[in-house]
All heavy atoms as atom14 arrays in JSON, in Angstrom:
{
  "sequence": "EAKAYAAFDRYETETMDYRMSDTGSVDRAIRRSPYE",
  "atom14_mask": [
    [1, 1, 1, 1, 1, 1, 1, 1, 1, 0, 0, 0, 0, 0],
    [1, 1, 1, 1, 1, 0, 0, 0, 0, 0, 0, 0, 0, 0],
    [1, 1, 1, 1, 1, 1, 1, 1, 1, 0, 0, 0, 0, 0],
    [1, 1, 1, 1, 1, 0, 0, 0, 0, 0, 0, 0, 0, 0],
    [1, 1, 1, 1, 1, 1, 1, 1, 1, 1, 1, 1, 0, 0],
    [1, 1, 1, 1, 1, 0, 0, 0, 0, 0, 0, 0, 0, 0],
    [1, 1, 1, 1, 1, 0, 0, 0, 0, 0, 0, 0, 0, 0],
    [1, 1, 1, 1, 1, 1, 1, 1, 1, 1, 1, 0, 0, 0],
    [1, 1, 1, 1, 1, 1, 1, 1, 0, 0, 0, 0, 0, 0],
    [1, 1, 1, 1, 1, 1, 1, 1, 1, 1, 1, 0, 0, 0],
    [1, 1, 1, 1, 1, 1, 1, 1, 1, 1, 1, 1, 0, 0],
    [1, 1, 1, 1, 1, 1, 1, 1, 1, 0, 0, 0, 0, 0],
    [1, 1, 1, 1, 1, 1, 1, 0, 0, 0, 0, 0, 0, 0],
    [1, 1, 1, 1, 1, 1, 1, 1, 1, 0, 0, 0, 0, 0],
    [1, 1, 1, 1, 1, 1, 1, 0, 0, 0, 0, 0, 0, 0],
    [1, 1, 1, 1, 1, 1, 1, 1, 0, 0, 0, 0, 0, 0],
    [1, 1, 1, 1, 1, 1, 1, 1, 0, 0, 0, 0, 0, 0],
    [1, 1, 1, 1, 1, 1, 1, 1, 1, 1, 1, 1, 0, 0],
    [1, 1, 1, 1, 1, 1, 1, 1, 1, 1, 1, 0, 0, 0],
    [1, 1, 1, 1, 1, 1, 1, 1, 0, 0, 0, 0, 0, 0],
    [1, 1, 1, 1, 1, 1, 0, 0, 0, 0, 0, 0, 0, 0],
    [1, 1, 1, 1, 1, 1, 1, 1, 0, 0, 0, 0, 0, 0],
    [1, 1, 1, 1, 1, 1, 1, 0, 0, 0, 0, 0, 0, 0],
    [1, 1, 1, 1, 0, 0, 0, 0, 0, 0, 0, 0, 0, 0],
    [1, 1, 1, 1, 1, 1, 0, 0, 0, 0, 0, 0, 0, 0],
    [1, 1, 1, 1, 1, 1, 1, 0, 0, 0, 0, 0, 0, 0],
    [1, 1, 1, 1, 1, 1, 1, 1, 0, 0, 0, 0, 0, 0],
    [1, 1, 1, 1, 1, 1, 1, 1, 1, 1, 1, 0, 0, 0],
    [1, 1, 1, 1, 1, 0, 0, 0, 0, 0, 0, 0, 0, 0],
    [1, 1, 1, 1, 1, 1, 1, 1, 0, 0, 0, 0, 0, 0],
    [1, 1, 1, 1, 1, 1, 1, 1, 1, 1, 1, 0, 0, 0],
    [1, 1, 1, 1, 1, 1, 1, 1, 1, 1, 1, 0, 0, 0],
    [1, 1, 1, 1, 1, 1, 0, 0, 0, 0, 0, 0, 0, 0],
    [1, 1, 1, 1, 1, 1, 1, 0, 0, 0, 0, 0, 0, 0],
    [1, 1, 1, 1, 1, 1, 1, 1, 1, 1, 1, 1, 0, 0],
    [1, 1, 1, 1, 1, 1, 1, 1, 1, 0, 0, 0, 0, 0]
  ],
  "atom14_positions": [
    [[1.18, 6.71, -15.79], [1.82, 6.11, -14.62], [1.04, 6.44, -13.35], [0.81, 5.57, -12.5], [3.26, 6.62, -14.49], [4.01, 6.01, -13.31], [5.43, 6.58, -13.19], [5.73, 7.6, -13.84], [6.22, 6.0, -12.42], [0.0, 0.0, 0.0], [0.0, 0.0, 0.0], [0.0, 0.0, 0.0], [0.0, 0.0, 0.0], [0.0, 0.0, 0.0]],
    [[0.62, 7.7, -13.22], [-0.15, 8.11, -12.04], [-1.49, 7.38, -11.96], [-1.91, 6.95, -10.88], [-0.38, 9.62, -12.07], [0.0, 0.0, 0.0], [0.0, 0.0, 0.0], [0.0, 0.0, 0.0], [0.0, 0.0, 0.0], [0.0, 0.0, 0.0], [0.0, 0.0, 0.0], [0.0, 0.0, 0.0], [0.0, 0.0, 0.0], [0.0, 0.0, 0.0]],
    [[-2.16, 7.22, -13.1], [-3.44, 6.49, -13.12], [-3.24, 5.03, -12.75], [-4.05, 4.43, -12.03], [-4.08, 6.61, -14.5], [-4.62, 7.99, -14.84], [-5.16, 8.02, -16.26], [-5.65, 9.4, -16.64], [-6.13, 9.46, -18.05], [0.0, 0.0, 0.0], [0.0, 0.0, 0.0], [0.0, 0.0, 0.0], [0.0, 0.0, 0.0], [0.0, 0.0, 0.0]],
    [[-2.15, 4.45, -13.25], [-1.86, 3.04, -12.95], [-1.57, 2.86, -11.47], [-2.0, 1.87, -10.86], [-0.68, 2.55, -13.79], [0.0, 0.0, 0.0], [0.0, 0.0, 0.0], [0.0, 0.0, 0.0], [0.0, 0.0, 0.0], [0.0, 0.0, 0.0], [0.0, 0.0, 0.0], [0.0, 0.0, 0.0], [0.0, 0.0, 0.0], [0.0, 0.0, 0.0]],
    [[-0.85, 3.82, -10.87], [-0.6, 3.71, -9.44], [-1.88, 3.85, -8.64], [-2.12, 3.14, -7.65], [0.43, 4.72, -8.93], [0.52, 4.65, -7.43], [1.02, 3.5, -6.82], [0.01, 5.66, -6.63], [1.02, 3.38, -5.45], [0.01, 5.54, -5.26], [0.52, 4.41, -4.67], [0.5, 4.27, -3.31], [0.0, 0.0, 0.0], [0.0, 0.0, 0.0]],
    [[-2.76, 4.77, -9.05], [-4.04, 4.95, -8.35], [-4.86, 3.66, -8.38], [-5.47, 3.27, -7.37], [-4.83, 6.09, -8.99], [0.0, 0.0, 0.0], [0.0, 0.0, 0.0], [0.0, 0.0, 0.0], [0.0, 0.0, 0.0], [0.0, 0.0, 0.0], [0.0, 0.0, 0.0], [0.0, 0.0, 0.0], [0.0, 0.0, 0.0], [0.0, 0.0, 0.0]],
    [[-4.85, 2.98, -9.53], [-5.58, 1.71, -9.64], [-4.93, 0.65, -8.75], [-5.63, -0.13, -8.08], [-5.6, 1.24, -11.09], [0.0, 0.0, 0.0], [0.0, 0.0, 0.0], [0.0, 0.0, 0.0], [0.0, 0.0, 0.0], [0.0, 0.0, 0.0], [0.0, 0.0, 0.0], [0.0, 0.0, 0.0], [0.0, 0.0, 0.0], [0.0, 0.0, 0.0]],
    [[-3.6, 0.61, -8.73], [-2.91, -0.35, -7.87], [-3.18, -0.04, -6.4], [-3.38, -0.95, -5.59], [-1.41, -0.33, -8.13], [-0.63, -1.09, -7.1], [-0.66, -2.48, -7.09], [0.1, -0.43, -6.12], [0.03, -3.2, -6.12], [0.79, -1.14, -5.15], [0.76, -2.53, -5.15], [0.0, 0.0, 0.0], [0.0, 0.0, 0.0], [0.0, 0.0, 0.0]],
    [[-3.19, 1.22, -6.04], [-3.42, 1.63, -4.66], [-4.8, 1.17, -4.2], [-4.97, 0.71, -3.07], [-3.29, 3.15, -4.54], [-3.33, 3.61, -3.1], [-2.64, 3.01, -2.26], [-4.07, 4.57, -2.81], [0.0, 0.0, 0.0], [0.0, 0.0, 0.0], [0.0, 0.0, 0.0], [0.0, 0.0, 0.0], [0.0, 0.0, 0.0], [0.0, 0.0, 0.0]],
    [[-5.82, 1.29, -5.08], [-7.16, 0.8, -4.74], [-7.13, -0.7, -4.51], [-7.73, -1.22, -3.56], [-8.16, 1.16, -5.84], [-8.52, 2.64, -5.91], [-9.73, 2.87, -6.77], [-9.51, 2.45, -8.16], [-9.0, 3.24, -9.09], [-8.63, 4.47, -8.8], [-8.85, 2.8, -10.33], [0.0, 0.0, 0.0], [0.0, 0.0, 0.0], [0.0, 0.0, 0.0]],
    [[-6.44, -1.41, -5.4], [-6.32, -2.87, -5.26], [-5.65, -3.22, -3.94], [-6.12, -4.09, -3.2], [-5.5, -3.43, -6.43], [-5.04, -4.85, -6.22], [-5.86, -5.92, -6.56], [-3.79, -5.12, -5.65], [-5.44, -7.23, -6.33], [-3.37, -6.42, -5.43], [-4.2, -7.48, -5.77], [-3.79, -8.76, -5.55], [0.0, 0.0, 0.0], [0.0, 0.0, 0.0]],
    [[-4.56, -2.55, -3.63], [-3.79, -2.87, -2.42], [-4.61, -2.56, -1.17], [-4.6, -3.33, -0.2], [-2.48, -2.08, -2.42], [-1.51, -2.46, -1.31], [-0.86, -3.82, -1.5], [-1.13, -4.5, -2.51], [-0.07, -4.21, -0.63], [0.0, 0.0, 0.0], [0.0, 0.0, 0.0], [0.0, 0.0, 0.0], [0.0, 0.0, 0.0], [0.0, 0.0, 0.0]],
    [[-5.35, -1.46, -1.21], [-6.18, -1.08, -0.06], [-7.25, -2.12, 0.2], [-7.52, -2.49, 1.35], [-6.83, 0.29, -0.31], [-5.8, 1.28, -0.47], [-7.72, 0.69, 0.86], [0.0, 0.0, 0.0], [0.0, 0.0, 0.0], [0.0, 0.0, 0.0], [0.0, 0.0, 0.0], [0.0, 0.0, 0.0], [0.0, 0.0, 0.0], [0.0, 0.0, 0.0]],
    [[-7.87, -2.62, -0.86], [-8.93, -3.6, -0.72], [-8.39, -4.98, -0.34], [-9.07, -5.77, 0.32], [-9.72, -3.71, -2.02], [-10.51, -2.45, -2.35], [-11.13, -2.49, -3.73], [-10.95, -3.51, -4.43], [-11.79, -1.5, -4.11], [0.0, 0.0, 0.0], [0.0, 0.0, 0.0], [0.0, 0.0, 0.0], [0.0, 0.0, 0.0], [0.0, 0.0, 0.0]],
    [[-7.16, -5.28, -0.76], [-6.6, -6.62, -0.56], [-5.85, -6.76, 0.75], [-5.89, -7.8, 1.4], [-5.64, -6.96, -1.72], [-6.32, -6.84, -2.96], [-5.11, -8.38, -1.59], [0.0, 0.0, 0.0], [0.0, 0.0, 0.0], [0.0, 0.0, 0.0], [0.0, 0.0, 0.0], [0.0, 0.0, 0.0], [0.0, 0.0, 0.0], [0.0, 0.0, 0.0]],
    [[-5.16, -5.7, 1.14], [-4.25, -5.78, 2.27], [-4.96, -6.02, 3.58], [-5.97, -5.38, 3.88], [-3.45, -4.46, 2.36], [-2.38, -4.44, 3.4], [-1.04, -5.55, 2.94], [0.05, -5.32, 4.32], [0.0, 0.0, 0.0], [0.0, 0.0, 0.0], [0.0, 0.0, 0.0], [0.0, 0.0, 0.0], [0.0, 0.0, 0.0], [0.0, 0.0, 0.0]],
    [[-4.47, -6.92, 4.37], [-4.96, -7.15, 5.72], [-4.15, -6.25, 6.64], [-3.01, -6.55, 7.0], [-4.78, -8.61, 6.11], [-5.31, -8.89, 7.51], [-5.75, -7.95, 8.19], [-5.27, -10.06, 7.92], [0.0, 0.0, 0.0], [0.0, 0.0, 0.0], [0.0, 0.0, 0.0], [0.0, 0.0, 0.0], [0.0, 0.0, 0.0], [0.0, 0.0, 0.0]],
    [[-4.73, -5.12, 7.05], [-3.96, -4.14, 7.8], [-3.58, -4.61, 9.2], [-2.79, -3.99, 9.88], [-4.74, -2.83, 7.87], [-4.72, -2.11, 6.55], [-5.81, -2.2, 5.69], [-3.61, -1.38, 6.15], [-5.78, -1.57, 4.46], [-3.59, -0.75, 4.92], [-4.68, -0.84, 4.09], [-4.65, -0.22, 2.87], [0.0, 0.0, 0.0], [0.0, 0.0, 0.0]],
    [[-4.14, -5.73, 9.63], [-3.73, -6.26, 10.92], [-2.29, -6.74, 10.89], [-1.68, -6.97, 11.93], [-4.65, -7.4, 11.34], [-6.04, -6.91, 11.73], [-6.96, -8.07, 12.0], [-7.16, -8.86, 10.79], [-7.92, -9.96, 10.74], [-8.54, -10.37, 11.83], [-8.05, -10.62, 9.62], [0.0, 0.0, 0.0], [0.0, 0.0, 0.0], [0.0, 0.0, 0.0]],
    [[-1.73, -6.91, 9.69], [-0.33, -7.34, 9.59], [0.64, -6.23, 9.95], [1.84, -6.44, 10.0], [-0.03, -7.82, 8.16], [-0.73, -9.11, 7.8], [-0.11, -9.82, 6.26], [-0.53, -8.54, 5.08], [0.0, 0.0, 0.0], [0.0, 0.0, 0.0], [0.0, 0.0, 0.0], [0.0, 0.0, 0.0], [0.0, 0.0, 0.0], [0.0, 0.0, 0.0]],
    [[0.13, -5.03, 10.2], [1.02, -3.9, 10.44], [1.62, -3.9, 11.84], [2.1, -2.89, 12.32], [0.25, -2.58, 10.23], [-0.83, -2.47, 11.13], [0.0, 0.0, 0.0], [0.0, 0.0, 0.0], [0.0, 0.0, 0.0], [0.0, 0.0, 0.0], [0.0, 0.0, 0.0], [0.0, 0.0, 0.0], [0.0, 0.0, 0.0], [0.0, 0.0, 0.0]],
    [[1.65, -5.08, 12.5], [2.29, -5.16, 13.8], [3.8, -5.25, 13.68], [4.49, -5.37, 14.68], [1.76, -6.35, 14.61], [2.01, -7.68, 13.92], [2.34, -7.66, 12.72], [1.88, -8.72, 14.57], [0.0, 0.0, 0.0], [0.0, 0.0, 0.0], [0.0, 0.0, 0.0], [0.0, 0.0, 0.0], [0.0, 0.0, 0.0], [0.0, 0.0, 0.0]],
    [[4.34, -5.21, 12.47], [5.8, -5.14, 12.29], [6.14, -3.83, 11.62], [5.39, -3.34, 10.77], [6.33, -6.29, 11.42], [5.81, -6.16, 10.1], [5.93, -7.64, 11.98], [0.0, 0.0, 0.0], [0.0, 0.0, 0.0], [0.0, 0.0, 0.0], [0.0, 0.0, 0.0], [0.0, 0.0, 0.0], [0.0, 0.0, 0.0], [0.0, 0.0, 0.0]],
    [[7.27, -3.26, 12.0], [7.66, -1.97, 11.46], [7.81, -1.98, 9.96], [7.45, -1.04, 9.27], [0.0, 0.0, 0.0], [0.0, 0.0, 0.0], [0.0, 0.0, 0.0], [0.0, 0.0, 0.0], [0.0, 0.0, 0.0], [0.0, 0.0, 0.0], [0.0, 0.0, 0.0], [0.0, 0.0, 0.0], [0.0, 0.0, 0.0], [0.0, 0.0, 0.0]],
    [[8.38, -3.08, 9.41], [8.62, -3.13, 7.98], [7.32, -3.1, 7.21], [7.2, -2.49, 6.15], [9.4, -4.4, 7.62], [8.7, -5.56, 7.99], [0.0, 0.0, 0.0], [0.0, 0.0, 0.0], [0.0, 0.0, 0.0], [0.0, 0.0, 0.0], [0.0, 0.0, 0.0], [0.0, 0.0, 0.0], [0.0, 0.0, 0.0], [0.0, 0.0, 0.0]],
    [[6.29, -3.8, 7.73], [4.99, -3.82, 7.05], [4.36, -2.44, 7.11], [3.81, -1.93, 6.14], [4.07, -4.88, 7.68], [2.67, -4.79, 7.1], [4.63, -6.27, 7.45], [0.0, 0.0, 0.0], [0.0, 0.0, 0.0], [0.0, 0.0, 0.0], [0.0, 0.0, 0.0], [0.0, 0.0, 0.0], [0.0, 0.0, 0.0], [0.0, 0.0, 0.0]],
    [[4.42, -1.8, 8.29], [3.81, -0.49, 8.43], [4.45, 0.52, 7.49], [3.77, 1.33, 6.87], [3.97, -0.02, 9.89], [3.27, 1.31, 10.13], [2.04, 1.35, 9.98], [3.96, 2.29, 10.45], [0.0, 0.0, 0.0], [0.0, 0.0, 0.0], [0.0, 0.0, 0.0], [0.0, 0.0, 0.0], [0.0, 0.0, 0.0], [0.0, 0.0, 0.0]],
    [[5.79, 0.47, 7.35], [6.45, 1.4, 6.43], [6.02, 1.14, 4.99], [5.86, 2.07, 4.22], [7.97, 1.25, 6.58], [8.52, 1.85, 7.85], [10.03, 1.96, 7.78], [10.67, 0.68, 7.66], [10.97, -0.08, 8.7], [10.68, 0.29, 9.92], [11.58, -1.24, 8.51], [0.0, 0.0, 0.0], [0.0, 0.0, 0.0], [0.0, 0.0, 0.0]],
    [[5.85, -0.14, 4.64], [5.45, -0.48, 3.28], [4.07, 0.04, 2.97], [3.79, 0.53, 1.88], [5.51, -1.99, 3.08], [0.0, 0.0, 0.0], [0.0, 0.0, 0.0], [0.0, 0.0, 0.0], [0.0, 0.0, 0.0], [0.0, 0.0, 0.0], [0.0, 0.0, 0.0], [0.0, 0.0, 0.0], [0.0, 0.0, 0.0], [0.0, 0.0, 0.0]],
    [[3.16, -0.06, 3.97], [1.79, 0.41, 3.76], [1.77, 1.91, 3.51], [1.01, 2.41, 2.68], [0.93, 0.08, 5.0], [0.74, -1.44, 5.11], [-0.42, 0.77, 4.94], [0.08, -1.86, 6.4], [0.0, 0.0, 0.0], [0.0, 0.0, 0.0], [0.0, 0.0, 0.0], [0.0, 0.0, 0.0], [0.0, 0.0, 0.0], [0.0, 0.0, 0.0]],
    [[2.63, 2.65, 4.21], [2.58, 4.11, 4.14], [3.33, 4.7, 2.97], [3.21, 5.88, 2.68], [3.14, 4.7, 5.45], [2.32, 4.31, 6.67], [2.99, 4.78, 7.95], [2.27, 4.29, 9.12], [1.2, 4.86, 9.64], [0.71, 5.95, 9.09], [0.62, 4.34, 10.71], [0.0, 0.0, 0.0], [0.0, 0.0, 0.0], [0.0, 0.0, 0.0]],
    [[4.1, 3.88, 2.23], [4.94, 4.41, 1.17], [4.21, 4.43, -0.16], [3.49, 3.52, -0.5], [6.21, 3.56, 1.04], [7.2, 4.1, 0.04], [8.4, 3.19, -0.09], [9.11, 3.1, 1.16], [9.27, 1.97, 1.84], [8.76, 0.86, 1.39], [9.93, 1.97, 2.98], [0.0, 0.0, 0.0], [0.0, 0.0, 0.0], [0.0, 0.0, 0.0]],
    [[4.42, 5.46, -0.93], [3.84, 5.55, -2.28], [4.91, 5.27, -3.32], [5.87, 6.01, -3.43], [3.28, 6.96, -2.52], [3.08, 7.18, -3.89], [0.0, 0.0, 0.0], [0.0, 0.0, 0.0], [0.0, 0.0, 0.0], [0.0, 0.0, 0.0], [0.0, 0.0, 0.0], [0.0, 0.0, 0.0], [0.0, 0.0, 0.0], [0.0, 0.0, 0.0]],
    [[4.78, 4.18, -4.08], [5.8, 3.89, -5.09], [5.84, 4.95, -6.18], [6.88, 5.21, -6.77], [5.36, 2.53, -5.64], [3.92, 2.44, -5.36], [3.72, 3.19, -4.06], [0.0, 0.0, 0.0], [0.0, 0.0, 0.0], [0.0, 0.0, 0.0], [0.0, 0.0, 0.0], [0.0, 0.0, 0.0], [0.0, 0.0, 0.0], [0.0, 0.0, 0.0]],
    [[4.73, 5.62, -6.46], [4.74, 6.67, -7.46], [5.67, 7.78, -7.04], [6.42, 8.35, -7.84], [3.32, 7.2, -7.69], [3.29, 8.33, -8.71], [3.72, 8.07, -10.02], [2.89, 9.6, -8.37], [3.72, 9.09, -10.96], [2.89, 10.61, -9.31], [3.29, 10.36, -10.6], [3.29, 11.36, -11.52], [0.0, 0.0, 0.0], [0.0, 0.0, 0.0]],
    [[5.68, 8.1, -5.74], [6.59, 9.12, -5.25], [8.04, 8.67, -5.43], [8.91, 9.45, -5.73], [6.32, 9.4, -3.76], [4.99, 10.09, -3.51], [4.93, 11.46, -4.14], [5.96, 12.16, -4.15], [3.86, 11.85, -4.6], [0.0, 0.0, 0.0], [0.0, 0.0, 0.0], [0.0, 0.0, 0.0], [0.0, 0.0, 0.0], [0.0, 0.0, 0.0]]
  ]
}
């Protein structure tokens, strides 16, 4: 599970357009770890 999350995290980091973080909900989503 931890390895799968690490792989997903890499995907999300490379895919996500961080300029979308001008809304609170998006910023919270970016900072949250689903594995936690």
